[in-house]
Structures are given as structure tokens and as C-alpha cells.
Amino acid sequence: MMLIEETTVPDAALPVEQFKSHLRLGTGFAEDDVQDAVLHSFLRAAVAAIEARTGKVLIAREFSWTVNGWRDRSGEVLPVGPVRAVTRIVLCDATGSETVLDQASYRLEQDGQRPRLRPAGALLPTIATGGSAKIVMDVGLANEWGGLPADLVQAVLLLAAHYYEYRNETSLGDGCMPFGVTSLIQRYRTLRIGAAR
């Protein structure tokens, strides 16, 4: 299984000016934009970390997910959300020959935690041995930064500020995330109960 971000968040969609205010960086100088590139990188890193921790894509963009076999042909749970639309499914056989499925043969079951790809009939189509299925989807909580919930905006700013403040620190452990950030994103995390898929 492989999830690929087909389109990225454009630089213009990232709240650099809001982040500068959050960091209380000086303004009104000739070189106000000298740190913009590094601020963009910390914002991108914070967005990526929060998306990974919650399984929720913040700013809408296109993803593709390739699988070599369905876990459940009656309904495949998609790896990220919220999925706005499944735009196409491409079946590929072992020789590399591709077939685009008719959109009438499947549907999206939207769910805030576990969106599913469902067949229009009884089962999703068979994936040939040595083949794959590529699901292309539009995913995201908001089209732009201003459409995000306030708690997620604050979480991104806090985490980006943490990265900025400790950019030279190499002793932090893997997966280190400040408590304030984990508290803000907790309600967005996917709840997993038992062995449910």
C-alpha cells in the first residue's frame, strides 16, 4: 500500500504573516521576508506532522492510494480523510495494462473517521494477481487556511513555533510533540476499537 500526495499545499495558502505574529518577529524592516522560506518549511513540517498524527488532511488536495489487494471487497477503508470525492480508480494488471473503472461501479461512504470506498454492487472488482488498484481522491478539511477549525490552526502554529525555537536541537526524541499540540488535536485522532477495520 502506498499513499502519495499528488498536489501540495501552495506557499500562498500557508499563513506566514500569522506565523510571524505568533512568533512576535519584528516587522517594518527592509528584510521582513528574509526568513519566509524557513517559516514556510516549519509550517509545512507542522502541517505534515499533524496530518500524520490525526489521519486528517488539513488543506484540500489530491492524493492517490495504491493497493495490491483489497482488505475487504465489500468496502475498503481509506487511509486519510475527510475524503470529498473519489475521482477515479485505475486497475492495473501484472503487465502494466490499465483500466479506469466506471464511476457508477463504486461510491464513497463519507465518514469523519473512517471513510470507505464501497462497490455499487456486492463487491469491489477483483485485483489481478501481481496487479494493483490506484484510488485517486480529493481530501481535505478546508479549501484554504481560513476555513480550518481554530484549534487546528493553533496546533499548527504551536508546533511550527516549537520547530522554529528548537531548530538546532538534536537531542529531541522521535515523534516529540508538545503537550499543548497533542491536546488540541486529540479530538481529531481516529479512534480505534478492537480489531475493527
N, C-alpha and C. Protein backbone atom coordinates (compact mmCIF):
# COMPACT_ATOMS: atom_id res chain seq x y z
N MET A 1 0.84 -1.18 0.00
CA MET A 1 0.00 0.00 0.00
C MET A 1 0.88 1.24 0.00
N MET A 2 0.50 2.21 -0.83
CA MET A 2 1.30 3.42 -0.91
C MET A 2 0.38 4.62 -1.09
N LEU A 3 0.50 5.60 -0.18
CA LEU A 3 -0.26 6.83 -0.25
C LEU A 3 0.66 7.92 -0.78
N ILE A 4 0.21 8.62 -1.83
CA ILE A 4 1.03 9.67 -2.45
C ILE A 4 0.23 10.97 -2.49
N GLU A 5 0.87 12.04 -2.06
CA GLU A 5 0.29 13.37 -2.15
C GLU A 5 0.55 13.87 -3.57
N GLU A 6 -0.49 13.90 -4.38
CA GLU A 6 -0.34 14.27 -5.79
C GLU A 6 -0.19 15.78 -5.99
N THR A 7 -0.87 16.55 -5.17
CA THR A 7 -0.73 18.01 -5.21
C THR A 7 -0.34 18.49 -3.82
N THR A 8 0.47 19.52 -3.76
CA THR A 8 0.93 20.03 -2.46
C THR A 8 0.20 21.32 -2.11
N VAL A 9 0.29 21.69 -0.84
CA VAL A 9 -0.28 22.96 -0.39
C VAL A 9 0.57 24.08 -0.98
N PRO A 10 -0.02 25.01 -1.73
CA PRO A 10 0.79 26.11 -2.28
C PRO A 10 1.31 27.01 -1.17
N ASP A 11 2.48 27.60 -1.40
CA ASP A 11 3.06 28.51 -0.41
C ASP A 11 2.09 29.61 -0.01
N ALA A 12 1.32 30.11 -0.97
CA ALA A 12 0.39 31.21 -0.69
C ALA A 12 -0.71 30.81 0.29
N ALA A 13 -0.97 29.49 0.42
CA ALA A 13 -2.01 29.04 1.34
C ALA A 13 -1.53 28.95 2.78
N LEU A 14 -0.21 29.01 2.98
CA LEU A 14 0.34 28.91 4.34
C LEU A 14 0.34 30.28 5.02
N PRO A 15 -0.01 30.35 6.29
CA PRO A 15 -0.19 31.62 6.99
C PRO A 15 1.12 32.21 7.52
N VAL A 16 2.01 32.58 6.63
CA VAL A 16 3.33 33.07 7.05
C VAL A 16 3.21 34.33 7.90
N GLU A 17 2.36 35.27 7.50
CA GLU A 17 2.23 36.51 8.28
C GLU A 17 1.65 36.24 9.66
N GLN A 18 0.67 35.34 9.73
CA GLN A 18 0.10 34.97 11.03
C GLN A 18 1.16 34.28 11.89
N PHE A 19 2.00 33.45 11.26
CA PHE A 19 3.07 32.77 11.97
C PHE A 19 4.10 33.77 12.48
N LYS A 20 4.42 34.78 11.69
CA LYS A 20 5.35 35.82 12.15
C LYS A 20 4.80 36.53 13.38
N SER A 21 3.50 36.84 13.37
CA SER A 21 2.87 37.47 14.53
C SER A 21 2.92 36.55 15.73
N HIS A 22 2.66 35.28 15.50
CA HIS A 22 2.69 34.28 16.58
C HIS A 22 4.09 34.23 17.21
N LEU A 23 5.12 34.31 16.37
CA LEU A 23 6.50 34.28 16.87
C LEU A 23 6.97 35.63 17.41
N ARG A 24 6.15 36.66 17.18
CA ARG A 24 6.49 38.04 17.57
C ARG A 24 7.77 38.51 16.90
N LEU A 25 7.88 38.18 15.63
CA LEU A 25 9.04 38.64 14.87
C LEU A 25 8.85 40.12 14.53
N GLY A 26 9.91 40.85 14.48
CA GLY A 26 9.85 42.27 14.16
C GLY A 26 9.34 42.51 12.76
N THR A 27 8.65 43.63 12.56
CA THR A 27 8.15 44.00 11.24
C THR A 27 8.56 45.42 10.91
N GLY A 28 8.37 45.80 9.65
CA GLY A 28 8.68 47.16 9.23
C GLY A 28 10.12 47.35 8.78
N PHE A 29 10.85 46.25 8.69
CA PHE A 29 12.24 46.33 8.25
C PHE A 29 12.33 46.01 6.77
N ALA A 30 13.42 46.43 6.15
CA ALA A 30 13.62 46.19 4.71
C ALA A 30 13.67 44.69 4.40
N GLU A 31 14.16 43.89 5.33
CA GLU A 31 14.29 42.44 5.11
C GLU A 31 13.22 41.65 5.83
N ASP A 32 11.99 42.14 5.84
CA ASP A 32 10.89 41.44 6.51
C ASP A 32 10.71 40.01 6.01
N ASP A 33 11.03 39.77 4.75
CA ASP A 33 10.78 38.46 4.16
C ASP A 33 12.00 37.54 4.14
N VAL A 34 13.06 37.94 4.84
CA VAL A 34 14.31 37.17 4.79
C VAL A 34 14.13 35.76 5.35
N GLN A 35 13.20 35.58 6.31
CA GLN A 35 13.01 34.26 6.91
C GLN A 35 11.82 33.50 6.32
N ASP A 36 11.18 34.07 5.31
CA ASP A 36 9.96 33.45 4.79
C ASP A 36 10.16 31.99 4.36
N ALA A 37 11.26 31.70 3.71
CA ALA A 37 11.49 30.31 3.24
C ALA A 37 11.56 29.34 4.41
N VAL A 38 12.26 29.72 5.46
CA VAL A 38 12.37 28.81 6.62
C VAL A 38 11.04 28.73 7.36
N LEU A 39 10.28 29.83 7.41
CA LEU A 39 8.98 29.80 8.06
C LEU A 39 8.01 28.91 7.29
N HIS A 40 8.06 28.97 5.95
CA HIS A 40 7.25 28.06 5.13
C HIS A 40 7.60 26.60 5.46
N SER A 41 8.89 26.32 5.58
CA SER A 41 9.30 24.93 5.83
C SER A 41 8.82 24.43 7.19
N PHE A 42 8.84 25.29 8.22
CA PHE A 42 8.36 24.87 9.54
C PHE A 42 6.84 24.70 9.53
N LEU A 43 6.14 25.57 8.82
CA LEU A 43 4.68 25.42 8.71
C LEU A 43 4.33 24.12 7.98
N ARG A 44 5.05 23.83 6.89
CA ARG A 44 4.81 22.58 6.15
C ARG A 44 5.08 21.36 7.03
N ALA A 45 6.17 21.42 7.79
CA ALA A 45 6.50 20.31 8.67
C ALA A 45 5.43 20.12 9.75
N ALA A 46 4.93 21.23 10.29
CA ALA A 46 3.89 21.14 11.32
C ALA A 46 2.60 20.58 10.74
N VAL A 47 2.21 21.05 9.56
CA VAL A 47 1.00 20.53 8.91
C VAL A 47 1.16 19.03 8.66
N ALA A 48 2.31 18.62 8.14
CA ALA A 48 2.55 17.19 7.85
C ALA A 48 2.49 16.35 9.12
N ALA A 49 3.09 16.84 10.20
CA ALA A 49 3.10 16.09 11.46
C ALA A 49 1.69 15.94 12.02
N ILE A 50 0.91 17.01 11.96
CA ILE A 50 -0.46 16.95 12.49
C ILE A 50 -1.33 16.06 11.61
N GLU A 51 -1.15 16.14 10.30
CA GLU A 51 -1.90 15.25 9.42
C GLU A 51 -1.55 13.79 9.68
N ALA A 52 -0.28 13.51 9.90
CA ALA A 52 0.14 12.13 10.18
C ALA A 52 -0.42 11.64 11.50
N ARG A 53 -0.44 12.50 12.50
CA ARG A 53 -0.91 12.12 13.83
C ARG A 53 -2.43 11.93 13.86
N THR A 54 -3.17 12.71 13.06
CA THR A 54 -4.63 12.64 13.11
C THR A 54 -5.25 11.82 11.99
N GLY A 55 -4.52 11.63 10.90
CA GLY A 55 -5.11 10.96 9.74
C GLY A 55 -6.06 11.87 8.98
N LYS A 56 -6.01 13.17 9.28
CA LYS A 56 -6.87 14.17 8.62
C LYS A 56 -6.01 15.11 7.80
N VAL A 57 -6.41 15.35 6.56
CA VAL A 57 -5.72 16.28 5.69
C VAL A 57 -6.32 17.66 5.96
N LEU A 58 -5.47 18.64 6.24
CA LEU A 58 -5.96 19.96 6.62
C LEU A 58 -6.43 20.78 5.42
N ILE A 59 -5.52 21.08 4.49
CA ILE A 59 -5.85 21.87 3.31
C ILE A 59 -6.10 20.92 2.15
N ALA A 60 -7.22 21.10 1.45
CA ALA A 60 -7.66 20.17 0.40
C ALA A 60 -6.61 20.03 -0.70
N ARG A 61 -6.38 18.79 -1.09
CA ARG A 61 -5.50 18.48 -2.20
C ARG A 61 -5.77 17.05 -2.67
N GLU A 62 -5.09 16.66 -3.75
CA GLU A 62 -5.33 15.35 -4.34
C GLU A 62 -4.31 14.34 -3.83
N PHE A 63 -4.80 13.15 -3.50
CA PHE A 63 -3.96 12.04 -3.08
C PHE A 63 -4.30 10.83 -3.94
N SER A 64 -3.32 9.94 -4.06
CA SER A 64 -3.61 8.64 -4.66
C SER A 64 -3.13 7.57 -3.69
N TRP A 65 -3.88 6.48 -3.66
CA TRP A 65 -3.57 5.36 -2.78
C TRP A 65 -3.57 4.11 -3.62
N THR A 66 -2.44 3.41 -3.64
CA THR A 66 -2.31 2.19 -4.44
C THR A 66 -2.28 0.99 -3.52
N VAL A 67 -3.12 0.00 -3.86
CA VAL A 67 -3.19 -1.25 -3.09
C VAL A 67 -2.99 -2.42 -4.03
N ASN A 68 -2.42 -3.50 -3.51
CA ASN A 68 -2.22 -4.72 -4.31
C ASN A 68 -3.33 -5.73 -4.08
N GLY A 69 -4.18 -5.45 -3.12
CA GLY A 69 -5.32 -6.32 -2.84
C GLY A 69 -6.23 -5.62 -1.84
N TRP A 70 -7.54 -5.90 -1.96
CA TRP A 70 -8.49 -5.30 -1.02
C TRP A 70 -8.46 -6.03 0.31
N ARG A 71 -8.56 -5.31 1.39
CA ARG A 71 -8.70 -5.96 2.70
C ARG A 71 -10.12 -6.49 2.85
N ASP A 72 -11.09 -5.76 2.27
CA ASP A 72 -12.49 -6.16 2.37
C ASP A 72 -13.18 -5.70 1.09
N ARG A 73 -13.54 -6.64 0.23
CA ARG A 73 -14.12 -6.27 -1.08
C ARG A 73 -15.50 -5.66 -0.96
N SER A 74 -16.13 -5.76 0.23
CA SER A 74 -17.44 -5.13 0.40
C SER A 74 -17.32 -3.66 0.80
N GLY A 75 -16.11 -3.24 1.13
CA GLY A 75 -15.89 -1.84 1.49
C GLY A 75 -14.50 -1.61 2.02
N GLU A 76 -13.69 -0.86 1.29
CA GLU A 76 -12.29 -0.62 1.66
C GLU A 76 -12.17 0.70 2.44
N VAL A 77 -11.63 0.63 3.65
CA VAL A 77 -11.41 1.83 4.45
C VAL A 77 -10.25 2.61 3.83
N LEU A 78 -10.47 3.90 3.61
CA LEU A 78 -9.45 4.76 3.01
C LEU A 78 -8.52 5.30 4.10
N PRO A 79 -7.24 5.52 3.79
CA PRO A 79 -6.24 5.79 4.82
C PRO A 79 -6.25 7.21 5.39
N VAL A 80 -6.89 8.15 4.71
CA VAL A 80 -6.94 9.54 5.19
C VAL A 80 -8.35 10.08 5.00
N GLY A 81 -8.61 11.19 5.64
CA GLY A 81 -9.92 11.81 5.49
C GLY A 81 -9.80 13.30 5.78
N PRO A 82 -10.83 14.03 5.72
CA PRO A 82 -12.10 13.62 5.12
C PRO A 82 -11.99 13.59 3.60
N VAL A 83 -12.48 12.50 3.02
CA VAL A 83 -12.45 12.35 1.56
C VAL A 83 -13.67 13.08 1.00
N ARG A 84 -13.42 14.01 0.11
CA ARG A 84 -14.51 14.78 -0.51
C ARG A 84 -15.07 14.03 -1.72
N ALA A 85 -14.19 13.38 -2.46
CA ALA A 85 -14.63 12.64 -3.65
C ALA A 85 -13.55 11.66 -4.06
N VAL A 86 -13.98 10.51 -4.56
CA VAL A 86 -13.08 9.59 -5.24
C VAL A 86 -13.23 9.92 -6.71
N THR A 87 -12.16 10.46 -7.30
CA THR A 87 -12.27 10.97 -8.67
C THR A 87 -12.04 9.89 -9.72
N ARG A 88 -11.24 8.88 -9.40
CA ARG A 88 -11.08 7.75 -10.32
C ARG A 88 -10.39 6.58 -9.63
N ILE A 89 -10.64 5.42 -10.19
CA ILE A 89 -9.98 4.19 -9.75
C ILE A 89 -9.42 3.54 -11.00
N VAL A 90 -8.13 3.22 -10.93
CA VAL A 90 -7.46 2.60 -12.08
C VAL A 90 -6.96 1.23 -11.65
N LEU A 91 -7.44 0.18 -12.35
CA LEU A 91 -6.93 -1.17 -12.11
C LEU A 91 -5.77 -1.41 -13.06
N CYS A 92 -4.72 -2.00 -12.54
CA CYS A 92 -3.53 -2.29 -13.34
C CYS A 92 -3.22 -3.78 -13.19
N ASP A 93 -3.02 -4.48 -14.30
CA ASP A 93 -2.69 -5.90 -14.20
C ASP A 93 -1.17 -6.08 -14.13
N ALA A 94 -0.74 -7.32 -14.06
CA ALA A 94 0.69 -7.62 -13.89
C ALA A 94 1.54 -7.14 -15.05
N THR A 95 0.93 -6.96 -16.22
CA THR A 95 1.69 -6.49 -17.39
C THR A 95 1.76 -4.97 -17.49
N GLY A 96 1.04 -4.28 -16.60
CA GLY A 96 1.02 -2.81 -16.63
C GLY A 96 -0.14 -2.23 -17.40
N SER A 97 -1.01 -3.08 -17.95
CA SER A 97 -2.19 -2.61 -18.67
C SER A 97 -3.20 -2.02 -17.67
N GLU A 98 -3.71 -0.81 -17.99
CA GLU A 98 -4.59 -0.11 -17.06
C GLU A 98 -6.02 -0.04 -17.55
N THR A 99 -6.95 -0.13 -16.60
CA THR A 99 -8.37 0.02 -16.88
C THR A 99 -8.96 0.99 -15.87
N VAL A 100 -9.58 2.06 -16.38
CA VAL A 100 -10.24 3.03 -15.49
C VAL A 100 -11.66 2.54 -15.24
N LEU A 101 -12.01 2.40 -13.97
CA LEU A 101 -13.35 1.91 -13.63
C LEU A 101 -14.40 2.98 -13.89
N ASP A 102 -15.58 2.53 -14.30
CA ASP A 102 -16.72 3.43 -14.46
C ASP A 102 -17.10 3.95 -13.08
N GLN A 103 -17.31 5.27 -12.96
CA GLN A 103 -17.64 5.85 -11.65
C GLN A 103 -18.96 5.33 -11.10
N ALA A 104 -19.80 4.78 -11.94
CA ALA A 104 -21.06 4.22 -11.47
C ALA A 104 -20.86 2.88 -10.76
N SER A 105 -19.64 2.31 -10.83
CA SER A 105 -19.39 1.00 -10.23
C SER A 105 -18.94 1.07 -8.77
N TYR A 106 -18.78 2.29 -8.26
CA TYR A 106 -18.37 2.45 -6.85
C TYR A 106 -18.94 3.74 -6.29
N ARG A 107 -18.88 3.85 -4.98
CA ARG A 107 -19.35 5.07 -4.32
C ARG A 107 -18.50 5.33 -3.09
N LEU A 108 -18.51 6.57 -2.65
CA LEU A 108 -17.79 6.96 -1.44
C LEU A 108 -18.77 6.99 -0.29
N GLU A 109 -18.42 6.30 0.77
CA GLU A 109 -19.19 6.37 2.01
C GLU A 109 -18.43 7.34 2.92
N GLN A 110 -18.93 8.57 2.99
CA GLN A 110 -18.22 9.58 3.77
C GLN A 110 -18.40 9.34 5.25
N ASP A 111 -17.31 9.52 5.95
CA ASP A 111 -17.30 9.32 7.39
C ASP A 111 -16.15 10.16 7.93
N GLY A 112 -16.36 10.88 9.01
CA GLY A 112 -15.33 11.75 9.56
C GLY A 112 -14.10 11.00 10.05
N GLN A 113 -14.27 9.75 10.45
CA GLN A 113 -13.16 8.98 10.99
C GLN A 113 -12.65 7.91 10.03
N ARG A 114 -13.57 7.21 9.38
CA ARG A 114 -13.17 6.07 8.55
C ARG A 114 -13.96 6.05 7.24
N PRO A 115 -13.62 6.93 6.29
CA PRO A 115 -14.33 6.91 5.01
C PRO A 115 -14.05 5.59 4.29
N ARG A 116 -15.05 5.13 3.53
CA ARG A 116 -14.91 3.85 2.84
C ARG A 116 -15.25 3.98 1.36
N LEU A 117 -14.55 3.19 0.59
CA LEU A 117 -14.87 3.01 -0.81
C LEU A 117 -15.79 1.79 -0.87
N ARG A 118 -17.00 1.98 -1.39
CA ARG A 118 -17.98 0.90 -1.46
C ARG A 118 -18.28 0.56 -2.92
N PRO A 119 -18.56 -0.70 -3.18
CA PRO A 119 -18.97 -1.07 -4.55
C PRO A 119 -20.42 -0.67 -4.77
N ALA A 120 -20.79 -0.41 -6.02
CA ALA A 120 -22.20 -0.15 -6.33
C ALA A 120 -22.98 -1.45 -6.23
N GLY A 121 -22.30 -2.55 -6.53
CA GLY A 121 -22.94 -3.87 -6.41
C GLY A 121 -22.53 -4.53 -5.10
N ALA A 122 -22.26 -5.85 -5.19
CA ALA A 122 -21.94 -6.60 -3.98
C ALA A 122 -20.48 -6.44 -3.56
N LEU A 123 -19.56 -6.45 -4.54
CA LEU A 123 -18.13 -6.46 -4.22
C LEU A 123 -17.35 -5.50 -5.11
N LEU A 124 -16.24 -5.00 -4.60
CA LEU A 124 -15.30 -4.24 -5.41
C LEU A 124 -14.68 -5.19 -6.44
N PRO A 125 -14.24 -4.68 -7.58
CA PRO A 125 -13.70 -5.56 -8.62
C PRO A 125 -12.44 -6.29 -8.15
N THR A 126 -12.22 -7.45 -8.72
CA THR A 126 -11.05 -8.24 -8.38
C THR A 126 -9.79 -7.55 -8.89
N ILE A 127 -8.76 -7.54 -8.04
CA ILE A 127 -7.44 -7.04 -8.46
C ILE A 127 -6.64 -8.26 -8.90
N ALA A 128 -6.16 -8.24 -10.12
CA ALA A 128 -5.43 -9.38 -10.67
C ALA A 128 -4.16 -9.67 -9.87
N THR A 129 -3.76 -10.93 -9.84
CA THR A 129 -2.52 -11.32 -9.17
C THR A 129 -1.36 -10.56 -9.81
N GLY A 130 -0.57 -9.92 -8.97
CA GLY A 130 0.54 -9.12 -9.46
C GLY A 130 0.11 -7.73 -9.92
N GLY A 131 -1.17 -7.42 -9.80
CA GLY A 131 -1.69 -6.12 -10.22
C GLY A 131 -1.94 -5.21 -9.03
N SER A 132 -2.64 -4.10 -9.30
CA SER A 132 -2.92 -3.13 -8.25
C SER A 132 -4.15 -2.31 -8.61
N ALA A 133 -4.63 -1.59 -7.63
CA ALA A 133 -5.69 -0.61 -7.83
C ALA A 133 -5.20 0.71 -7.29
N LYS A 134 -5.36 1.75 -8.09
CA LYS A 134 -4.96 3.10 -7.68
C LYS A 134 -6.22 3.92 -7.51
N ILE A 135 -6.45 4.38 -6.27
CA ILE A 135 -7.63 5.19 -5.95
C ILE A 135 -7.17 6.64 -5.86
N VAL A 136 -7.74 7.50 -6.69
CA VAL A 136 -7.39 8.92 -6.69
C VAL A 136 -8.54 9.67 -6.03
N MET A 137 -8.20 10.52 -5.05
CA MET A 137 -9.26 11.17 -4.27
C MET A 137 -8.90 12.60 -3.89
N ASP A 138 -9.93 13.41 -3.74
CA ASP A 138 -9.79 14.76 -3.22
C ASP A 138 -10.06 14.69 -1.72
N VAL A 139 -9.10 15.18 -0.93
CA VAL A 139 -9.17 15.05 0.52
C VAL A 139 -8.86 16.39 1.17
N GLY A 140 -9.56 16.70 2.25
CA GLY A 140 -9.21 17.90 3.00
C GLY A 140 -10.34 18.46 3.83
N LEU A 141 -9.97 19.03 4.97
CA LEU A 141 -10.95 19.67 5.85
C LEU A 141 -11.42 21.01 5.30
N ALA A 142 -10.52 21.76 4.65
CA ALA A 142 -10.86 23.11 4.18
C ALA A 142 -10.12 23.41 2.89
N ASN A 143 -10.70 24.29 2.08
CA ASN A 143 -10.04 24.70 0.83
C ASN A 143 -8.89 25.65 1.09
N GLU A 144 -8.97 26.41 2.16
CA GLU A 144 -7.94 27.39 2.48
C GLU A 144 -7.75 27.48 3.98
N TRP A 145 -6.68 28.13 4.38
CA TRP A 145 -6.29 28.20 5.78
C TRP A 145 -7.42 28.76 6.66
N GLY A 146 -8.08 29.81 6.19
CA GLY A 146 -9.13 30.45 6.98
C GLY A 146 -10.34 29.57 7.24
N GLY A 147 -10.48 28.47 6.51
CA GLY A 147 -11.60 27.56 6.71
C GLY A 147 -11.36 26.47 7.74
N LEU A 148 -10.14 26.41 8.27
CA LEU A 148 -9.83 25.37 9.26
C LEU A 148 -10.39 25.71 10.63
N PRO A 149 -10.72 24.70 11.43
CA PRO A 149 -11.15 24.96 12.81
C PRO A 149 -10.02 25.66 13.60
N ALA A 150 -10.41 26.53 14.50
CA ALA A 150 -9.45 27.35 15.25
C ALA A 150 -8.46 26.51 16.05
N ASP A 151 -8.90 25.37 16.58
CA ASP A 151 -7.98 24.55 17.38
C ASP A 151 -6.88 23.93 16.52
N LEU A 152 -7.20 23.57 15.27
CA LEU A 152 -6.17 23.02 14.39
C LEU A 152 -5.21 24.11 13.92
N VAL A 153 -5.74 25.31 13.67
CA VAL A 153 -4.87 26.44 13.32
C VAL A 153 -3.88 26.69 14.45
N GLN A 154 -4.37 26.73 15.68
CA GLN A 154 -3.50 26.97 16.83
C GLN A 154 -2.48 25.85 16.99
N ALA A 155 -2.90 24.60 16.76
CA ALA A 155 -1.99 23.47 16.88
C ALA A 155 -0.85 23.58 15.88
N VAL A 156 -1.17 23.94 14.63
CA VAL A 156 -0.13 24.10 13.61
C VAL A 156 0.84 25.20 14.01
N LEU A 157 0.31 26.35 14.44
CA LEU A 157 1.18 27.46 14.83
C LEU A 157 2.07 27.09 16.01
N LEU A 158 1.50 26.41 17.01
CA LEU A 158 2.30 25.99 18.17
C LEU A 158 3.40 25.02 17.78
N LEU A 159 3.07 24.05 16.94
CA LEU A 159 4.07 23.07 16.54
C LEU A 159 5.14 23.69 15.65
N ALA A 160 4.74 24.55 14.72
CA ALA A 160 5.72 25.23 13.87
C ALA A 160 6.63 26.11 14.72
N ALA A 161 6.07 26.78 15.73
CA ALA A 161 6.88 27.61 16.63
C ALA A 161 7.86 26.75 17.43
N HIS A 162 7.40 25.56 17.83
CA HIS A 162 8.27 24.62 18.54
C HIS A 162 9.44 24.22 17.64
N TYR A 163 9.15 23.90 16.38
CA TYR A 163 10.22 23.56 15.44
C TYR A 163 11.17 24.74 15.25
N TYR A 164 10.61 25.92 15.17
CA TYR A 164 11.43 27.13 14.97
C TYR A 164 12.35 27.37 16.18
N GLU A 165 11.79 27.27 17.37
CA GLU A 165 12.57 27.53 18.60
C GLU A 165 13.66 26.49 18.83
N TYR A 166 13.38 25.24 18.46
CA TYR A 166 14.33 24.16 18.73
C TYR A 166 14.97 23.65 17.44
N ARG A 167 15.12 24.51 16.45
CA ARG A 167 15.65 24.09 15.14
C ARG A 167 17.08 23.58 15.21
N ASN A 168 17.82 23.97 16.22
CA ASN A 168 19.20 23.49 16.34
C ASN A 168 19.35 22.37 17.37
N GLU A 169 18.26 21.98 17.96
CA GLU A 169 18.29 20.93 18.99
C GLU A 169 18.25 19.56 18.32
N THR A 170 19.20 18.73 18.63
CA THR A 170 19.25 17.40 18.02
C THR A 170 18.94 16.28 19.01
N SER A 171 18.71 16.62 20.28
CA SER A 171 18.51 15.56 21.27
C SER A 171 17.05 15.23 21.50
N LEU A 172 16.11 15.92 20.82
CA LEU A 172 14.71 15.60 21.00
C LEU A 172 14.43 14.22 20.40
N GLY A 173 13.61 13.45 21.10
CA GLY A 173 13.29 12.11 20.65
C GLY A 173 12.39 12.11 19.44
N ASP A 174 12.36 10.98 18.73
CA ASP A 174 11.48 10.84 17.58
C ASP A 174 10.03 10.99 18.01
N GLY A 175 9.26 11.70 17.21
CA GLY A 175 7.84 11.85 17.49
C GLY A 175 7.54 12.85 18.59
N CYS A 176 8.51 13.63 19.01
CA CYS A 176 8.29 14.61 20.07
C CYS A 176 7.28 15.65 19.60
N MET A 177 6.21 15.80 20.38
CA MET A 177 5.19 16.81 20.08
C MET A 177 4.79 17.44 21.39
N PRO A 178 4.80 18.77 21.48
CA PRO A 178 4.44 19.44 22.73
C PRO A 178 3.04 19.06 23.21
N PHE A 179 2.86 19.03 24.54
CA PHE A 179 1.58 18.64 25.14
C PHE A 179 0.43 19.50 24.63
N GLY A 180 0.64 20.81 24.51
CA GLY A 180 -0.43 21.70 24.04
C GLY A 180 -0.93 21.30 22.67
N VAL A 181 -0.03 20.86 21.81
CA VAL A 181 -0.41 20.44 20.46
C VAL A 181 -1.20 19.15 20.52
N THR A 182 -0.72 18.18 21.28
CA THR A 182 -1.43 16.90 21.36
C THR A 182 -2.82 17.08 21.97
N SER A 183 -2.96 18.01 22.90
CA SER A 183 -4.28 18.29 23.49
C SER A 183 -5.23 18.86 22.44
N LEU A 184 -4.72 19.78 21.62
CA LEU A 184 -5.57 20.42 20.62
C LEU A 184 -6.01 19.47 19.51
N ILE A 185 -5.17 18.50 19.17
CA ILE A 185 -5.51 17.61 18.05
C ILE A 185 -6.17 16.31 18.50
N GLN A 186 -6.25 16.09 19.81
CA GLN A 186 -6.75 14.81 20.33
C GLN A 186 -8.11 14.43 19.75
N ARG A 187 -9.03 15.37 19.67
CA ARG A 187 -10.39 15.02 19.22
C ARG A 187 -10.46 14.68 17.73
N TYR A 188 -9.40 15.00 16.99
CA TYR A 188 -9.38 14.70 15.55
C TYR A 188 -8.75 13.34 15.25
N ARG A 189 -8.14 12.74 16.25
CA ARG A 189 -7.47 11.46 16.02
C ARG A 189 -8.50 10.36 15.81
N THR A 190 -8.18 9.41 14.94
CA THR A 190 -9.08 8.30 14.66
C THR A 190 -9.11 7.35 15.85
N LEU A 191 -10.31 7.09 16.33
CA LEU A 191 -10.49 6.16 17.45
C LEU A 191 -10.47 4.75 16.93
N ARG A 192 -9.60 3.92 17.47
CA ARG A 192 -9.51 2.52 17.04
C ARG A 192 -9.98 1.64 18.19
N ILE A 193 -10.99 0.82 17.91
CA ILE A 193 -11.54 -0.07 18.93
C ILE A 193 -11.37 -1.50 18.46
N GLY A 194 -10.73 -2.30 19.29
CA GLY A 194 -10.57 -3.71 18.98
C GLY A 194 -9.88 -3.96 17.65
N ALA A 195 -10.33 -4.97 16.94
CA ALA A 195 -9.72 -5.35 15.67
C ALA A 195 -10.52 -4.84 14.49
N ALA A 196 -11.40 -3.86 14.74
CA ALA A 196 -12.23 -3.34 13.65
C ALA A 196 -11.37 -2.72 12.57
N ARG A 197 -11.83 -2.81 11.31
CA ARG A 197 -11.07 -2.23 10.21
C ARG A 197 -11.67 -0.91 9.82
